[in-house]
Amino acid sequence: MPYETSVPFRAGDDGYASFRIPACVKAPDGSLLAYAEGRVNSTSDTGNIDIVQRRSTDGGLNWGPLQVVAVHGSGTAGNPSPIVRQNGTLVLVYVTNAASATESLIRRGQVAAADGRRVWVCESGDSGATWTRSREITETAKRPEWRWYATTPGHAMELTGAAHAGRLVVPANHSIPPTGGDDGTEGKYNGGHDLLSDDGGQTWRIGYVDDNPDGYVNVNETTGAELPDGRIYLNTRTEATAPGNRADAYSADGGETLTEPFQPETGLTVPVCEGSVLQLRDPDVLLFSGPSHAERRERMVVRRSPDGGVTWVAAHVVDERPAAYSDLVRVDGTTVGLLYETGDSSPYSTITFRRVPVEELV
């Protein structure tokens, strides 16, 4: 059957050489908001990068004009992590660094704190039409010894279960200083944590931390979902000696701690790449999106789990072409949306939106 597809971001449009790192949420007014990093000069992770947004009022079929949400002078504002609150407000957490501060330099400890990764938050009370001035939260969101730092990327969440209702949870990752003759760029120094707020995003603290440099599972880009039983399911990219490239974990206390450290998730065949998770309600099924080739970023697939992430099966092949980062969103009662990087010859040519019937995913 033909699937409804649109392209909210295309490389070269609106003065940006490329767009990367998608995130998508359904705003309180019912519109869809698509976020990305607008990279001014190239596809590079470093340089002049803004956080940009487009709005769709028809379920992702068409998109309005580009809106710049956050900038950091001529430096980098990135990893948008939007949260939709039950009270009708939006919260956006993101990170910044100086234009010349590459990930390698930051991980080596060769960048001043002021130029390194810093954490910010802003809010919107009108479904993303306008945003407050950003506030820096680095002091409570990042330990002084951490070097590299990134929020999820993709949508974050407000918990709804009775025990922790209203808590905001942002999965994140960091790197720790090296030991011995290492320089800090090695994957074993990757670690994961989450950020928690119990006052609607006004103040933040660090919840769980998993950063054991054992070279087996080392947490990197992480996404999460609240399961029907109130637990948080966390799924992460890992580049270590454990089987596969994914690992997962659970939190039974609203993100304060992990039930046990991240373990390899061998049921998901994915290259080294970000992935997205989304818990559907009615029906209750957990979804995961990501490329399905074991080594290359290509063939985007949505997979489903009927048991909260214990087992996974393929549910829908989205795109056979090159594909990389993605974010899942519930559009309405019958439709799930996927915002994902793809293109004919490169996964970074567009950020495309695909509407998928729920009946095909459950």
Protein backbone atom coordinates (compact mmCIF):
# COMPACT_ATOMS: atom_id res chain seq x y z
CA MET A 1 0.00 0.00 0.00
CA PRO A 2 1.20 3.58 -0.53
CA TYR A 3 2.33 5.34 2.64
CA GLU A 4 1.93 9.05 3.29
CA THR A 5 5.38 10.66 3.40
CA SER A 6 6.58 14.26 3.63
CA VAL A 7 9.96 16.00 3.93
CA PRO A 8 10.11 18.71 6.62
CA PHE A 9 13.90 19.16 6.30
CA ARG A 10 16.02 18.91 3.15
CA ALA A 11 19.76 19.61 2.95
CA GLY A 12 20.40 23.05 1.44
CA ASP A 13 17.05 24.60 2.37
CA ASP A 14 16.58 27.76 4.46
CA GLY A 15 20.28 28.60 4.56
CA TYR A 16 21.39 25.33 6.14
CA ALA A 17 23.80 22.97 4.42
CA SER A 18 22.25 20.00 6.22
CA PHE A 19 19.80 18.93 8.90
CA ARG A 20 20.42 16.16 11.39
CA ILE A 21 19.30 14.69 14.75
CA PRO A 22 15.49 14.55 14.44
CA ALA A 23 13.00 14.77 17.29
CA CYS A 24 9.21 14.88 17.08
CA VAL A 25 6.33 15.41 19.50
CA LYS A 26 2.61 16.05 19.37
CA ALA A 27 2.02 19.50 20.84
CA PRO A 28 -0.82 20.27 23.28
CA ASP A 29 -2.81 21.94 20.48
CA GLY A 30 -2.69 18.72 18.42
CA SER A 31 -0.08 19.85 15.89
CA LEU A 32 3.11 17.92 15.25
CA LEU A 33 6.44 19.61 15.93
CA ALA A 34 9.51 18.35 14.08
CA TYR A 35 12.92 19.37 15.45
CA ALA A 36 16.41 19.08 13.99
CA GLU A 37 19.89 20.50 14.15
CA GLY A 38 20.20 23.04 11.34
CA ARG A 39 23.87 22.81 10.36
CA VAL A 40 24.90 25.98 8.58
CA ASN A 41 28.06 24.97 6.75
CA SER A 42 28.22 21.17 6.44
CA THR A 43 27.08 17.85 7.88
CA SER A 44 29.74 18.11 10.61
CA ASP A 45 28.74 17.59 14.24
CA THR A 46 30.74 20.73 15.11
CA GLY A 47 30.44 24.34 14.00
CA ASN A 48 27.58 26.80 13.52
CA ILE A 49 24.49 24.75 14.37
CA ASP A 50 21.00 25.90 15.42
CA ILE A 51 17.99 24.01 16.76
CA VAL A 52 15.13 24.44 14.30
CA GLN A 53 11.47 23.47 14.23
CA ARG A 54 8.65 22.97 11.75
CA ARG A 55 4.95 22.56 12.51
CA SER A 56 2.32 20.37 10.88
CA THR A 57 -1.38 20.90 11.53
CA ASP A 58 -2.53 17.97 9.36
CA GLY A 59 -0.78 15.02 10.96
CA GLY A 60 2.52 15.33 9.12
CA LEU A 61 1.26 15.66 5.55
CA ASN A 62 2.46 19.25 5.21
CA TRP A 63 4.82 21.46 7.21
CA GLY A 64 4.89 25.17 7.94
CA PRO A 65 7.88 27.53 7.73
CA LEU A 66 11.12 26.86 9.54
CA GLN A 67 11.44 28.42 12.99
CA VAL A 68 14.75 28.83 14.84
CA VAL A 69 14.24 27.79 18.47
CA ALA A 70 17.74 27.93 19.98
CA VAL A 71 21.14 29.29 18.91
CA HIS A 72 24.56 29.54 20.55
CA GLY A 73 26.11 32.45 18.68
CA SER A 74 28.27 30.98 15.93
CA GLY A 75 28.69 27.79 17.96
CA THR A 76 26.63 24.64 18.37
CA ALA A 77 23.14 24.25 19.86
CA GLY A 78 22.08 20.64 19.46
CA ASN A 79 20.52 17.40 20.61
CA PRO A 80 16.97 18.77 20.99
CA SER A 81 15.01 16.80 23.60
CA PRO A 82 11.41 18.05 23.67
CA ILE A 83 8.90 17.07 26.36
CA VAL A 84 5.12 17.53 26.19
CA ARG A 85 3.64 18.11 29.63
CA GLN A 86 0.13 17.16 30.72
CA ASN A 87 -0.53 20.76 31.76
CA GLY A 88 -0.21 21.94 28.16
CA THR A 89 3.32 23.30 28.17
CA LEU A 90 6.42 22.21 26.25
CA VAL A 91 9.91 21.87 27.70
CA LEU A 92 13.02 21.67 25.51
CA VAL A 93 16.35 20.50 26.92
CA TYR A 94 19.46 20.78 24.74
CA VAL A 95 23.24 21.19 24.79
CA THR A 96 25.76 23.71 23.46
CA ASN A 97 29.48 24.06 22.81
CA ALA A 98 31.86 26.45 21.07
CA ALA A 99 32.17 26.14 17.29
CA SER A 100 35.76 24.92 17.53
CA ALA A 101 35.14 22.42 20.33
CA THR A 102 35.08 19.05 18.58
CA GLU A 103 33.98 15.90 20.38
CA SER A 104 37.56 14.58 20.21
CA LEU A 105 38.99 17.68 21.87
CA ILE A 106 36.31 17.67 24.56
CA ARG A 107 36.84 13.98 25.32
CA ARG A 108 40.60 14.57 25.54
CA GLY A 109 40.04 17.33 28.11
CA GLN A 110 41.52 19.98 25.83
CA VAL A 111 38.59 22.41 25.89
CA ALA A 112 37.84 25.02 28.56
CA ALA A 113 34.67 24.41 30.54
CA ALA A 114 33.04 27.54 29.11
CA ASP A 115 33.54 26.22 25.57
CA GLY A 116 32.64 22.60 26.31
CA ARG A 117 29.27 20.91 26.55
CA ARG A 118 26.73 22.89 28.52
CA VAL A 119 23.07 22.10 29.23
CA TRP A 120 20.09 24.41 28.73
CA VAL A 121 16.30 24.45 29.00
CA CYS A 122 13.52 26.62 27.59
CA GLU A 123 9.72 26.41 27.69
CA SER A 124 6.71 27.18 25.54
CA GLY A 125 3.17 27.82 26.73
CA ASP A 126 1.66 28.12 23.24
CA SER A 127 2.52 24.76 21.63
CA GLY A 128 5.87 25.94 20.32
CA ALA A 129 4.79 29.21 18.69
CA THR A 130 7.08 31.13 21.05
CA TRP A 131 9.77 30.07 23.51
CA THR A 132 11.15 31.55 26.71
CA ARG A 133 14.75 32.68 26.94
CA SER A 134 16.93 29.64 27.62
CA ARG A 135 18.28 29.00 31.12
CA GLU A 136 21.54 27.16 31.77
CA ILE A 137 21.28 24.11 34.06
CA THR A 138 24.79 22.71 33.63
CA GLU A 139 25.66 23.04 37.31
CA THR A 140 23.01 20.52 38.39
CA ALA A 141 22.80 18.48 35.17
CA LYS A 142 26.47 17.64 34.60
CA ARG A 143 29.14 16.42 37.01
CA PRO A 144 32.34 18.52 36.90
CA GLU A 145 34.50 15.60 35.80
CA TRP A 146 32.31 14.64 32.85
CA ARG A 147 33.69 15.72 29.48
CA TRP A 148 31.47 14.89 26.50
CA TYR A 149 27.75 15.28 27.18
CA ALA A 150 24.58 14.84 25.14
CA THR A 151 20.86 14.69 25.76
CA THR A 152 18.98 11.71 24.40
CA PRO A 153 18.58 12.68 21.29
CA GLY A 154 14.87 12.51 20.40
CA HIS A 155 11.79 13.15 22.50
CA ALA A 156 11.99 12.87 26.29
CA MET A 157 9.06 12.25 28.64
CA GLU A 158 6.81 13.28 31.50
CA LEU A 159 5.83 10.32 33.68
CA THR A 160 2.14 9.63 34.23
CA GLY A 161 2.19 6.66 36.64
CA ALA A 162 0.83 7.40 40.11
CA ALA A 163 4.17 6.98 41.91
CA HIS A 164 6.01 9.66 39.94
CA ALA A 165 3.31 11.54 38.01
CA GLY A 166 4.56 14.79 36.54
CA ARG A 167 8.27 13.95 36.73
CA LEU A 168 10.27 14.95 33.66
CA VAL A 169 12.89 12.41 32.53
CA VAL A 170 15.60 13.10 29.94
CA PRO A 171 17.95 10.20 29.11
CA ALA A 172 21.48 11.47 28.46
CA ASN A 173 25.09 10.37 28.06
CA HIS A 174 28.55 11.58 28.98
CA SER A 175 32.21 10.58 28.94
CA ILE A 176 34.53 10.23 31.91
CA PRO A 177 38.26 11.00 32.22
CA PRO A 178 40.61 8.25 31.02
CA THR A 179 43.13 6.25 32.99
CA GLY A 180 46.57 4.93 32.15
CA GLY A 181 47.79 5.83 28.68
CA ASP A 182 44.33 6.39 27.18
CA ASP A 183 43.32 9.80 25.86
CA GLY A 184 39.58 9.70 26.61
CA THR A 185 38.35 9.13 23.07
CA GLU A 186 38.04 5.38 23.63
CA GLY A 187 34.49 4.03 23.70
CA LYS A 188 34.93 2.42 27.11
CA TYR A 189 34.79 5.88 28.69
CA ASN A 190 31.22 6.43 27.49
CA GLY A 191 28.58 6.49 30.20
CA GLY A 192 24.87 7.09 30.61
CA HIS A 193 22.60 8.91 33.04
CA ASP A 194 19.28 10.70 33.11
CA LEU A 195 18.07 14.12 34.18
CA LEU A 196 15.04 14.44 36.46
CA SER A 197 12.78 17.36 37.31
CA ASP A 198 9.87 17.27 39.76
CA ASP A 199 8.84 20.89 39.33
CA GLY A 200 8.00 21.10 35.64
CA GLY A 201 11.54 21.76 34.46
CA GLN A 202 12.44 24.61 36.80
CA THR A 203 15.13 22.63 38.61
CA TRP A 204 16.99 19.51 37.53
CA ARG A 205 19.10 16.78 39.09
CA ILE A 206 20.95 13.69 37.95
CA GLY A 207 19.22 10.33 38.44
CA TYR A 208 20.83 6.99 37.59
CA VAL A 209 24.45 6.86 36.42
CA ASP A 210 25.93 3.90 34.50
CA ASP A 211 29.51 4.58 33.45
CA ASN A 212 31.63 1.55 34.37
CA PRO A 213 34.57 1.65 31.88
CA ASP A 214 34.71 -2.13 31.52
CA GLY A 215 34.72 -2.16 27.72
CA TYR A 216 31.73 -4.55 27.66
CA VAL A 217 28.62 -2.33 27.58
CA ASN A 218 29.35 1.38 27.49
CA VAL A 219 26.25 3.54 27.30
CA ASN A 220 25.97 6.17 24.59
CA GLU A 221 22.88 7.79 22.98
CA THR A 222 19.85 6.62 24.96
CA THR A 223 16.09 6.84 24.52
CA GLY A 224 13.36 5.83 26.95
CA ALA A 225 9.67 5.09 27.40
CA GLU A 226 7.33 4.69 30.35
CA LEU A 227 5.82 1.19 30.36
CA PRO A 228 2.21 0.52 31.39
CA ASP A 229 3.37 -0.84 34.77
CA GLY A 230 5.16 2.44 35.56
CA ARG A 231 8.71 1.26 34.93
CA ILE A 232 10.96 3.16 32.55
CA TYR A 233 12.47 1.19 29.67
CA LEU A 234 15.81 2.55 28.41
CA ASN A 235 17.48 1.50 25.15
CA THR A 236 20.97 2.66 24.22
CA ARG A 237 23.60 2.62 21.52
CA THR A 238 26.80 0.90 22.63
CA GLU A 239 30.20 0.44 20.99
CA ALA A 240 32.01 -2.18 23.05
CA THR A 241 32.76 -5.90 23.20
CA ALA A 242 29.22 -7.00 24.15
CA PRO A 243 27.27 -8.76 21.38
CA GLY A 244 25.51 -6.38 19.00
CA ASN A 245 25.24 -2.61 19.15
CA ARG A 246 22.28 -2.14 21.53
CA ALA A 247 21.79 -2.49 25.26
CA ASP A 248 18.85 -1.85 27.55
CA ALA A 249 17.89 -1.36 31.17
CA TYR A 250 14.89 -0.64 33.40
CA SER A 251 14.17 1.77 36.22
CA ALA A 252 11.46 0.97 38.76
CA ASP A 253 11.75 4.24 40.69
CA GLY A 254 11.11 6.91 38.09
CA GLY A 255 14.66 7.12 36.79
CA GLU A 256 16.42 7.55 40.14
CA THR A 257 18.26 4.23 39.78
CA LEU A 258 18.48 1.25 37.41
CA THR A 259 17.15 -2.15 38.40
CA GLU A 260 20.48 -3.45 37.13
CA PRO A 261 23.15 -2.00 34.80
CA PHE A 262 22.58 -1.92 31.04
CA GLN A 263 22.76 -5.37 29.44
CA PRO A 264 23.24 -6.34 25.75
CA GLU A 265 19.99 -6.38 23.74
CA THR A 266 20.76 -9.05 21.16
CA GLY A 267 17.19 -9.13 19.83
CA LEU A 268 17.78 -5.90 17.89
CA THR A 269 20.04 -5.99 14.83
CA VAL A 270 21.16 -2.40 14.38
CA PRO A 271 24.41 -0.73 13.25
CA VAL A 272 26.16 1.72 15.56
CA CYS A 273 23.45 4.37 15.47
CA GLU A 274 20.81 6.13 17.54
CA GLY A 275 17.37 4.52 17.84
CA SER A 276 13.98 5.59 19.21
CA VAL A 277 11.46 3.90 21.48
CA LEU A 278 7.77 4.69 21.97
CA GLN A 279 5.23 3.00 24.24
CA LEU A 280 1.79 2.83 22.65
CA ARG A 281 -1.29 2.66 24.85
CA ASP A 282 -4.43 1.08 23.46
CA PRO A 283 -3.00 -1.22 22.32
CA ASP A 284 -0.11 -1.68 24.75
CA VAL A 285 2.97 -2.33 22.64
CA LEU A 286 6.52 -0.96 22.77
CA LEU A 287 8.06 0.20 19.48
CA PHE A 288 11.69 0.63 18.41
CA SER A 289 12.89 2.38 15.24
CA GLY A 290 16.35 2.16 13.70
CA PRO A 291 18.33 0.93 10.70
CA SER A 292 18.24 -2.86 10.45
CA HIS A 293 21.54 -3.64 8.71
CA ALA A 294 24.10 -5.00 11.17
CA GLU A 295 26.89 -2.69 10.00
CA ARG A 296 25.58 0.02 7.66
CA ARG A 297 23.09 2.77 8.32
CA GLU A 298 20.36 1.63 5.97
CA ARG A 299 16.94 -0.07 5.79
CA MET A 300 14.91 1.74 8.44
CA VAL A 301 12.57 -0.64 10.28
CA VAL A 302 10.05 -0.28 13.13
CA ARG A 303 10.08 -3.24 15.50
CA ARG A 304 7.60 -4.10 18.22
CA SER A 305 7.79 -5.74 21.62
CA PRO A 306 4.70 -7.15 23.33
CA ASP A 307 6.56 -7.69 26.62
CA GLY A 308 8.19 -4.39 27.50
CA GLY A 309 11.42 -4.86 25.58
CA VAL A 310 12.19 -8.48 26.45
CA THR A 311 11.61 -9.74 22.89
CA TRP A 312 11.43 -7.92 19.54
CA VAL A 313 10.03 -8.67 16.09
CA ALA A 314 10.05 -6.62 12.88
CA ALA A 315 6.71 -4.87 12.32
CA HIS A 316 7.17 -2.46 9.40
CA VAL A 317 9.91 -1.79 6.85
CA VAL A 318 9.95 1.99 6.51
CA ASP A 319 12.64 2.55 3.90
CA GLU A 320 15.18 0.36 2.07
CA ARG A 321 17.49 3.32 1.39
CA PRO A 322 20.32 4.68 3.57
CA ALA A 323 18.87 5.77 6.91
CA ALA A 324 20.21 6.81 10.31
CA TYR A 325 18.69 8.66 13.30
CA SER A 326 14.94 8.63 13.94
CA ASP A 327 12.18 9.53 16.39
CA LEU A 328 8.74 7.96 16.88
CA VAL A 329 5.56 9.88 17.72
CA ARG A 330 1.90 8.94 18.19
CA VAL A 331 -0.03 11.03 15.65
CA ASP A 332 -3.57 9.94 16.51
CA GLY A 333 -5.58 6.85 17.44
CA THR A 334 -4.83 5.08 14.17
CA THR A 335 -1.44 6.47 13.15
CA VAL A 336 2.18 6.45 14.30
CA GLY A 337 4.69 8.84 12.78
CA LEU A 338 8.40 8.36 12.20
CA LEU A 339 10.75 11.30 11.64
CA TYR A 340 14.00 9.89 10.23
CA GLU A 341 17.18 10.70 8.34
CA THR A 342 17.30 9.23 4.84
CA GLY A 343 18.21 9.80 1.19
CA ASP A 344 18.90 8.01 -2.07
CA SER A 345 22.69 7.97 -1.67
CA SER A 346 23.22 9.37 1.83
CA PRO A 347 21.15 9.13 5.01
CA TYR A 348 21.80 12.83 5.61
CA SER A 349 20.08 14.23 2.50
CA THR A 350 16.69 14.72 4.17
CA ILE A 351 14.79 14.31 7.38
CA THR A 352 11.61 12.61 6.21
CA PHE A 353 8.29 11.96 7.98
CA ARG A 354 6.39 8.70 7.42
CA ARG A 355 2.84 8.00 8.60
CA VAL A 356 2.31 4.33 9.53
CA PRO A 357 -1.06 2.76 10.45
CA VAL A 358 -1.10 1.47 14.02
CA GLU A 359 -2.71 -1.76 12.80
CA GLU A 360 0.52 -2.65 10.98
CA LEU A 361 2.60 -2.29 14.13
CA VAL A 362 0.69 -4.36 16.68
